[in-house]
Amino acid sequence: MRRSDSELHFKYVRMSPSVFDKLLSKIKPHLRKRSRRAARSRPEMSDTCKLVVTLKYLASGQSMQELAIAFRMGHSIVHYVVVEVCNAIWSGLMEEYLKCPSTPAEWHAVSRDFVRYWHFPHCLGAIDGKHVVIQAPNNSGSEFFNYKNSNSIVLLAVADAKYRFLAVDIGESGRHSDGGVLSNSVFGKALENASLGVPAPDQSVPELGEFPYCLVGDEAFPLRG
């Protein structure tokens, strides 16, 4: 596919060969290397193969058992590879692609984009939560049971005016509301104790007078001054 059909390559792993190679180069330093003794007992899987397996899992929605059959691997190996590569993707890309603003100047840049694209002044981000359905862990009771009558963990995200994530919190149990997830998150606590570098109220829009900066969200998030 890489050599003869880039379109099929894109359909298979949801990215072009050039983007795949760029991603691989960024996560390689974060992938574990097996010991020589372990390598002698079983051939080492290439980093390229690890990434293909993980991207196929993330892009297709196939179960790990189905991928184990397709790639002729053990189910436990697929599980190990997916966890390892996902951790490597987070470690390799977080600082470059998911760096939360931390100074007034960086937040002002976000705010200017909301004015430019959405005509909404003094906005620092749009916030919302997404329930990711899971199979409830053993002996978890109703810990992950949500109002949609399923079990889930919550992805809470703040996005800028171009739909890019500025901050995420992943893993809170589904029984919590979006407002509760925000309060318990590192981002929410930093917002409360004023350690995010959020600009002070100002008069950058004269007709508003001195006006504070804010996040926009639905009714699940309480108004706070």
C-alpha atoms as a PDB file:
ATOM      1  CA  MET A   1       0.000   0.000   0.000  1.00  0.00           C
ATOM      2  CA  ARG A   2       2.806   2.412   0.846  1.00  0.00           C
ATOM      3  CA  ARG A   3       4.531   1.888  -2.486  1.00  0.00           C
ATOM      4  CA  SER A   4       1.629   1.440  -4.878  1.00  0.00           C
ATOM      5  CA  ASP A   5      -1.646   2.730  -3.418  1.00  0.00           C
ATOM      6  CA  SER A   6      -1.475   5.693  -1.055  1.00  0.00           C
ATOM      7  CA  GLU A   7      -5.274   6.065  -1.176  1.00  0.00           C
ATOM      8  CA  LEU A   8      -5.743   2.537   0.151  1.00  0.00           C
ATOM      9  CA  HIS A   9      -3.082   3.235   2.782  1.00  0.00           C
ATOM     10  CA  PHE A  10      -5.125   6.235   3.928  1.00  0.00           C
ATOM     11  CA  LYS A  11      -8.314   4.160   4.122  1.00  0.00           C
ATOM     12  CA  TYR A  12      -6.526   1.462   6.120  1.00  0.00           C
ATOM     13  CA  VAL A  13      -4.832   3.579   8.810  1.00  0.00           C
ATOM     14  CA  ARG A  14      -6.570   6.956   8.247  1.00  0.00           C
ATOM     15  CA  MET A  15      -3.408   8.791   7.262  1.00  0.00           C
ATOM     16  CA  SER A  16      -1.071   9.177   4.313  1.00  0.00           C
ATOM     17  CA  PRO A  17       2.338   7.450   4.236  1.00  0.00           C
ATOM     18  CA  SER A  18       4.119  10.771   4.871  1.00  0.00           C
ATOM     19  CA  VAL A  19       1.993  11.558   7.946  1.00  0.00           C
ATOM     20  CA  PHE A  20       2.450   7.972   9.156  1.00  0.00           C
ATOM     21  CA  ASP A  21       6.238   8.327   8.892  1.00  0.00           C
ATOM     22  CA  LYS A  22       6.154  11.656  10.742  1.00  0.00           C
ATOM     23  CA  LEU A  23       4.085  10.167  13.562  1.00  0.00           C
ATOM     24  CA  LEU A  24       6.367   7.134  13.766  1.00  0.00           C
ATOM     25  CA  SER A  25       9.463   9.325  14.073  1.00  0.00           C
ATOM     26  CA  LYS A  26       7.898  11.256  16.956  1.00  0.00           C
ATOM     27  CA  ILE A  27       6.841   8.225  18.993  1.00  0.00           C
ATOM     28  CA  LYS A  28       9.839   5.943  18.390  1.00  0.00           C
ATOM     29  CA  PRO A  29      11.862   7.329  21.323  1.00  0.00           C
ATOM     30  CA  HIS A  30       8.933   6.521  23.627  1.00  0.00           C
ATOM     31  CA  LEU A  31       8.432   2.898  22.555  1.00  0.00           C
ATOM     32  CA  ARG A  32       9.839   0.240  24.860  1.00  0.00           C
ATOM     33  CA  LYS A  33      12.767  -1.880  23.772  1.00  0.00           C
ATOM     34  CA  ARG A  34      12.830  -5.505  24.818  1.00  0.00           C
ATOM     35  CA  SER A  35      15.783  -7.060  26.525  1.00  0.00           C
ATOM     36  CA  ARG A  36      18.129  -9.276  24.507  1.00  0.00           C
ATOM     37  CA  ARG A  37      16.956 -12.311  26.435  1.00  0.00           C
ATOM     38  CA  ALA A  38      13.308 -11.598  25.592  1.00  0.00           C
ATOM     39  CA  ALA A  39      14.215 -10.917  21.969  1.00  0.00           C
ATOM     40  CA  ARG A  40      15.863 -14.351  21.686  1.00  0.00           C
ATOM     41  CA  SER A  41      12.723 -16.090  22.963  1.00  0.00           C
ATOM     42  CA  ARG A  42      10.412 -14.356  20.472  1.00  0.00           C
ATOM     43  CA  PRO A  43      11.143 -12.131  17.445  1.00  0.00           C
ATOM     44  CA  GLU A  44      10.834  -8.421  18.139  1.00  0.00           C
ATOM     45  CA  MET A  45       7.845  -6.688  16.538  1.00  0.00           C
ATOM     46  CA  SER A  46       8.890  -3.646  14.507  1.00  0.00           C
ATOM     47  CA  ASP A  47       7.810  -0.167  15.593  1.00  0.00           C
ATOM     48  CA  THR A  48       6.086   0.221  12.218  1.00  0.00           C
ATOM     49  CA  CYS A  49       3.981  -2.882  12.816  1.00  0.00           C
ATOM     50  CA  LYS A  50       3.094  -1.716  16.332  1.00  0.00           C
ATOM     51  CA  LEU A  51       1.828   1.590  14.975  1.00  0.00           C
ATOM     52  CA  VAL A  52      -0.178  -0.075  12.185  1.00  0.00           C
ATOM     53  CA  VAL A  53      -1.907  -2.389  14.664  1.00  0.00           C
ATOM     54  CA  THR A  54      -2.759   0.507  16.969  1.00  0.00           C
ATOM     55  CA  LEU A  55      -4.013   2.818  14.222  1.00  0.00           C
ATOM     56  CA  LYS A  56      -6.161   0.012  12.823  1.00  0.00           C
ATOM     57  CA  TYR A  57      -7.638  -0.540  16.284  1.00  0.00           C
ATOM     58  CA  LEU A  58      -8.346   3.166  16.797  1.00  0.00           C
ATOM     59  CA  ALA A  59      -9.660   3.812  13.290  1.00  0.00           C
ATOM     60  CA  SER A  60     -11.806   0.749  12.636  1.00  0.00           C
ATOM     61  CA  GLY A  61     -13.505  -0.039  15.925  1.00  0.00           C
ATOM     62  CA  GLN A  62     -12.507  -3.682  15.568  1.00  0.00           C
ATOM     63  CA  SER A  63     -12.067  -5.667  18.750  1.00  0.00           C
ATOM     64  CA  MET A  64      -8.607  -6.710  19.873  1.00  0.00           C
ATOM     65  CA  GLN A  65      -9.607 -10.322  19.268  1.00  0.00           C
ATOM     66  CA  GLU A  66     -10.428  -9.539  15.629  1.00  0.00           C
ATOM     67  CA  LEU A  67      -7.107  -7.751  15.205  1.00  0.00           C
ATOM     68  CA  ALA A  68      -5.268 -10.653  16.835  1.00  0.00           C
ATOM     69  CA  ILE A  69      -6.720 -12.981  14.196  1.00  0.00           C
ATOM     70  CA  ALA A  70      -6.066 -10.563  11.315  1.00  0.00           C
ATOM     71  CA  PHE A  71      -2.436  -9.943  12.316  1.00  0.00           C
ATOM     72  CA  ARG A  72      -1.823 -13.510  13.538  1.00  0.00           C
ATOM     73  CA  MET A  73      -0.933 -12.388  17.044  1.00  0.00           C
ATOM     74  CA  GLY A  74      -2.033 -13.382  20.493  1.00  0.00           C
ATOM     75  CA  HIS A  75      -4.815 -11.329  22.039  1.00  0.00           C
ATOM     76  CA  SER A  76      -2.549 -10.333  24.937  1.00  0.00           C
ATOM     77  CA  ILE A  77       0.129  -9.117  22.501  1.00  0.00           C
ATOM     78  CA  VAL A  78      -2.362  -6.857  20.698  1.00  0.00           C
ATOM     79  CA  HIS A  79      -3.505  -5.452  24.047  1.00  0.00           C
ATOM     80  CA  TYR A  80       0.092  -4.805  25.117  1.00  0.00           C
ATOM     81  CA  VAL A  81       0.960  -3.136  21.790  1.00  0.00           C
ATOM     82  CA  VAL A  82      -2.097  -0.851  21.745  1.00  0.00           C
ATOM     83  CA  VAL A  83      -1.475   0.338  25.309  1.00  0.00           C
ATOM     84  CA  GLU A  84       2.233   0.873  24.642  1.00  0.00           C
ATOM     85  CA  VAL A  85       1.729   2.839  21.416  1.00  0.00           C
ATOM     86  CA  CYS A  86      -1.109   4.967  22.834  1.00  0.00           C
ATOM     87  CA  ASN A  87       1.145   5.950  25.735  1.00  0.00           C
ATOM     88  CA  ALA A  88       3.944   6.726  23.261  1.00  0.00           C
ATOM     89  CA  ILE A  89       1.617   8.881  21.139  1.00  0.00           C
ATOM     90  CA  TRP A  90       0.607  10.837  24.231  1.00  0.00           C
ATOM     91  CA  SER A  91       4.214  11.295  25.377  1.00  0.00           C
ATOM     92  CA  GLY A  92       5.514  12.152  21.910  1.00  0.00           C
ATOM     93  CA  LEU A  93       2.819  14.582  20.807  1.00  0.00           C
ATOM     94  CA  MET A  94       1.427  16.140  23.976  1.00  0.00           C
ATOM     95  CA  GLU A  95       3.820  19.064  24.294  1.00  0.00           C
ATOM     96  CA  GLU A  96       3.548  19.966  20.624  1.00  0.00           C
ATOM     97  CA  TYR A  97      -0.137  19.405  19.881  1.00  0.00           C
ATOM     98  CA  LEU A  98      -1.885  19.642  23.251  1.00  0.00           C
ATOM     99  CA  LYS A  99      -0.061  22.347  25.151  1.00  0.00           C
ATOM    100  CA  CYS A 100      -2.539  24.301  27.232  1.00  0.00           C
ATOM    101  CA  PRO A 101      -1.989  28.099  27.207  1.00  0.00           C
ATOM    102  CA  SER A 102      -0.353  29.235  30.412  1.00  0.00           C
ATOM    103  CA  THR A 103       0.270  32.964  29.989  1.00  0.00           C
ATOM    104  CA  PRO A 104      -2.022  35.960  29.370  1.00  0.00           C
ATOM    105  CA  ALA A 105      -0.435  36.447  25.941  1.00  0.00           C
ATOM    106  CA  GLU A 106      -1.254  32.870  24.882  1.00  0.00           C
ATOM    107  CA  TRP A 107      -4.830  33.187  26.126  1.00  0.00           C
ATOM    108  CA  HIS A 108      -5.208  36.545  24.329  1.00  0.00           C
ATOM    109  CA  ALA A 109      -4.258  34.773  21.067  1.00  0.00           C
ATOM    110  CA  VAL A 110      -7.044  32.219  21.679  1.00  0.00           C
ATOM    111  CA  SER A 111      -9.500  35.010  22.424  1.00  0.00           C
ATOM    112  CA  ARG A 112      -8.620  36.887  19.234  1.00  0.00           C
ATOM    113  CA  ASP A 113      -9.455  33.777  17.189  1.00  0.00           C
ATOM    114  CA  PHE A 114     -12.913  33.569  18.792  1.00  0.00           C
ATOM    115  CA  VAL A 115     -13.528  37.174  17.785  1.00  0.00           C
ATOM    116  CA  ARG A 116     -12.233  36.555  14.281  1.00  0.00           C
ATOM    117  CA  TYR A 117     -14.105  33.326  13.541  1.00  0.00           C
ATOM    118  CA  TRP A 118     -17.156  33.505  15.816  1.00  0.00           C
ATOM    119  CA  HIS A 119     -17.538  37.206  16.704  1.00  0.00           C
ATOM    120  CA  PHE A 120     -17.463  36.276  20.396  1.00  0.00           C
ATOM    121  CA  PRO A 121     -15.185  38.542  22.467  1.00  0.00           C
ATOM    122  CA  HIS A 122     -13.354  37.551  25.643  1.00  0.00           C
ATOM    123  CA  CYS A 123     -13.803  33.802  25.024  1.00  0.00           C
ATOM    124  CA  LEU A 124     -10.944  31.457  25.971  1.00  0.00           C
ATOM    125  CA  GLY A 125     -12.453  28.175  24.826  1.00  0.00           C
ATOM    126  CA  ALA A 126     -15.509  25.992  24.328  1.00  0.00           C
ATOM    127  CA  ILE A 127     -15.877  23.201  26.887  1.00  0.00           C
ATOM    128  CA  ASP A 128     -17.904  19.995  26.814  1.00  0.00           C
ATOM    129  CA  GLY A 129     -17.850  16.391  27.963  1.00  0.00           C
ATOM    130  CA  LYS A 130     -18.228  13.176  25.966  1.00  0.00           C
ATOM    131  CA  HIS A 131     -19.219   9.815  27.456  1.00  0.00           C
ATOM    132  CA  VAL A 132     -17.046   7.019  26.045  1.00  0.00           C
ATOM    133  CA  VAL A 133     -18.894   3.729  26.453  1.00  0.00           C
ATOM    134  CA  ILE A 134     -16.942   0.979  28.214  1.00  0.00           C
ATOM    135  CA  GLN A 135     -17.526  -2.455  29.683  1.00  0.00           C
ATOM    136  CA  ALA A 136     -17.781  -1.879  33.409  1.00  0.00           C
ATOM    137  CA  PRO A 137     -14.757  -3.188  35.353  1.00  0.00           C
ATOM    138  CA  ASN A 138     -15.351  -6.115  37.676  1.00  0.00           C
ATOM    139  CA  ASN A 139     -16.815  -5.219  41.070  1.00  0.00           C
ATOM    140  CA  SER A 140     -17.295  -1.565  40.083  1.00  0.00           C
ATOM    141  CA  GLY A 141     -21.008  -1.528  40.905  1.00  0.00           C
ATOM    142  CA  SER A 142     -22.684   1.612  39.569  1.00  0.00           C
ATOM    143  CA  GLU A 143     -19.458   3.673  39.581  1.00  0.00           C
ATOM    144  CA  PHE A 144     -19.402   4.027  35.782  1.00  0.00           C
ATOM    145  CA  PHE A 145     -23.180   3.936  35.152  1.00  0.00           C
ATOM    146  CA  ASN A 146     -24.403   7.142  33.500  1.00  0.00           C
ATOM    147  CA  TYR A 147     -27.701   8.883  32.777  1.00  0.00           C
ATOM    148  CA  LYS A 148     -27.774   7.285  29.309  1.00  0.00           C
ATOM    149  CA  ASN A 149     -28.113   3.854  30.957  1.00  0.00           C
ATOM    150  CA  SER A 150     -24.666   2.692  29.879  1.00  0.00           C
ATOM    151  CA  ASN A 151     -21.259   2.480  31.505  1.00  0.00           C
ATOM    152  CA  SER A 152     -18.709   5.067  30.479  1.00  0.00           C
ATOM    153  CA  ILE A 153     -15.701   7.183  31.239  1.00  0.00           C
ATOM    154  CA  VAL A 154     -15.787  10.897  30.463  1.00  0.00           C
ATOM    155  CA  LEU A 155     -13.643  12.808  27.994  1.00  0.00           C
ATOM    156  CA  LEU A 156     -13.746  16.467  29.017  1.00  0.00           C
ATOM    157  CA  ALA A 157     -12.224  18.837  26.485  1.00  0.00           C
ATOM    158  CA  VAL A 158     -11.641  22.543  25.958  1.00  0.00           C
ATOM    159  CA  ALA A 159     -11.348  23.546  22.290  1.00  0.00           C
ATOM    160  CA  ASP A 160     -10.255  26.742  20.616  1.00  0.00           C
ATOM    161  CA  ALA A 161     -12.008  28.628  17.819  1.00  0.00           C
ATOM    162  CA  LYS A 162     -10.532  26.271  15.201  1.00  0.00           C
ATOM    163  CA  TYR A 163     -11.840  23.115  16.942  1.00  0.00           C
ATOM    164  CA  ARG A 164      -8.386  22.235  18.279  1.00  0.00           C
ATOM    165  CA  PHE A 165      -8.087  20.795  21.790  1.00  0.00           C
ATOM    166  CA  LEU A 166      -6.423  23.070  24.321  1.00  0.00           C
ATOM    167  CA  ALA A 167      -6.842  20.752  27.306  1.00  0.00           C
ATOM    168  CA  VAL A 168      -8.387  17.356  28.015  1.00  0.00           C
ATOM    169  CA  ASP A 169      -9.256  15.317  31.080  1.00  0.00           C
ATOM    170  CA  ILE A 170      -9.903  11.631  30.416  1.00  0.00           C
ATOM    171  CA  GLY A 171     -11.012   8.857  32.726  1.00  0.00           C
ATOM    172  CA  GLU A 172     -13.516  10.231  35.233  1.00  0.00           C
ATOM    173  CA  SER A 173     -16.329   7.722  35.814  1.00  0.00           C
ATOM    174  CA  GLY A 174     -19.546   8.246  33.876  1.00  0.00           C
ATOM    175  CA  ARG A 175     -21.725   8.759  36.947  1.00  0.00           C
ATOM    176  CA  HIS A 176     -20.291  12.277  37.342  1.00  0.00           C
ATOM    177  CA  SER A 177     -21.820  15.268  35.579  1.00  0.00           C
ATOM    178  CA  ASP A 178     -19.737  17.418  33.235  1.00  0.00           C
ATOM    179  CA  GLY A 179     -19.624  20.134  35.891  1.00  0.00           C
ATOM    180  CA  GLY A 180     -18.407  17.644  38.471  1.00  0.00           C
ATOM    181  CA  VAL A 181     -15.730  16.326  36.111  1.00  0.00           C
ATOM    182  CA  LEU A 182     -14.502  19.889  35.545  1.00  0.00           C
ATOM    183  CA  SER A 183     -14.346  20.566  39.296  1.00  0.00           C
ATOM    184  CA  ASN A 184     -12.326  17.397  39.907  1.00  0.00           C
ATOM    185  CA  SER A 185      -9.963  17.851  36.953  1.00  0.00           C
ATOM    186  CA  VAL A 186      -6.491  19.351  37.046  1.00  0.00           C
ATOM    187  CA  PHE A 187      -7.661  22.000  34.560  1.00  0.00           C
ATOM    188  CA  GLY A 188     -10.714  22.879  36.661  1.00  0.00           C
ATOM    189  CA  LYS A 189      -8.707  23.182  39.862  1.00  0.00           C
ATOM    190  CA  ALA A 190      -6.110  25.362  38.123  1.00  0.00           C
ATOM    191  CA  LEU A 191      -8.931  27.534  36.794  1.00  0.00           C
ATOM    192  CA  GLU A 192     -10.352  27.912  40.305  1.00  0.00           C
ATOM    193  CA  ASN A 193      -7.059  28.838  41.957  1.00  0.00           C
ATOM    194  CA  ALA A 194      -6.075  31.257  39.164  1.00  0.00           C
ATOM    195  CA  SER A 195      -2.915  29.389  38.161  1.00  0.00           C
ATOM    196  CA  LEU A 196      -3.702  29.095  34.433  1.00  0.00           C
ATOM    197  CA  GLY A 197      -2.475  32.561  33.523  1.00  0.00           C
ATOM    198  CA  VAL A 198      -5.958  33.710  32.463  1.00  0.00           C
ATOM    199  CA  PRO A 199      -5.950  37.458  31.649  1.00  0.00           C
ATOM    200  CA  ALA A 200      -7.587  39.836  34.120  1.00  0.00           C
ATOM    201  CA  PRO A 201     -10.814  41.606  33.053  1.00  0.00           C
ATOM    202  CA  ASP A 202     -10.080  44.425  30.636  1.00  0.00           C
ATOM    203  CA  GLN A 203     -11.634  46.853  28.154  1.00  0.00           C
ATOM    204  CA  SER A 204     -10.280  45.361  24.945  1.00  0.00           C
ATOM    205  CA  VAL A 205     -13.823  45.649  23.548  1.00  0.00           C
ATOM    206  CA  PRO A 206     -14.778  49.257  24.443  1.00  0.00           C
ATOM    207  CA  GLU A 207     -18.538  48.796  24.153  1.00  0.00           C
ATOM    208  CA  LEU A 208     -18.422  46.059  26.841  1.00  0.00           C
ATOM    209  CA  GLY A 209     -16.456  48.106  29.339  1.00  0.00           C
ATOM    210  CA  GLU A 210     -14.285  46.119  31.748  1.00  0.00           C
ATOM    211  CA  PHE A 211     -15.273  42.527  31.044  1.00  0.00           C
ATOM    212  CA  PRO A 212     -13.897  39.174  32.303  1.00  0.00           C
ATOM    213  CA  TYR A 213     -12.691  36.333  30.094  1.00  0.00           C
ATOM    214  CA  CYS A 214     -14.737  33.143  30.018  1.00  0.00           C
ATOM    215  CA  LEU A 215     -15.264  29.620  28.714  1.00  0.00           C
ATOM    216  CA  VAL A 216     -18.481  28.761  26.861  1.00  0.00           C
ATOM    217  CA  GLY A 217     -20.411  25.567  27.567  1.00  0.00           C
ATOM    218  CA  ASP A 218     -23.901  24.202  28.020  1.00  0.00           C
ATOM    219  CA  GLU A 219     -26.077  24.205  31.133  1.00  0.00           C
ATOM    220  CA  ALA A 220     -24.107  21.317  32.670  1.00  0.00           C
ATOM    221  CA  PHE A 221     -21.435  23.812  33.697  1.00  0.00           C
ATOM    222  CA  PRO A 222     -22.348  26.260  36.501  1.00  0.00           C
ATOM    223  CA  LEU A 223     -21.756  29.981  36.099  1.00  0.00           C
ATOM    224  CA  ARG A 224     -18.842  31.170  38.200  1.00  0.00           C
ATOM    225  CA  GLY A 225     -17.272  34.552  38.619  1.00  0.00           C
END
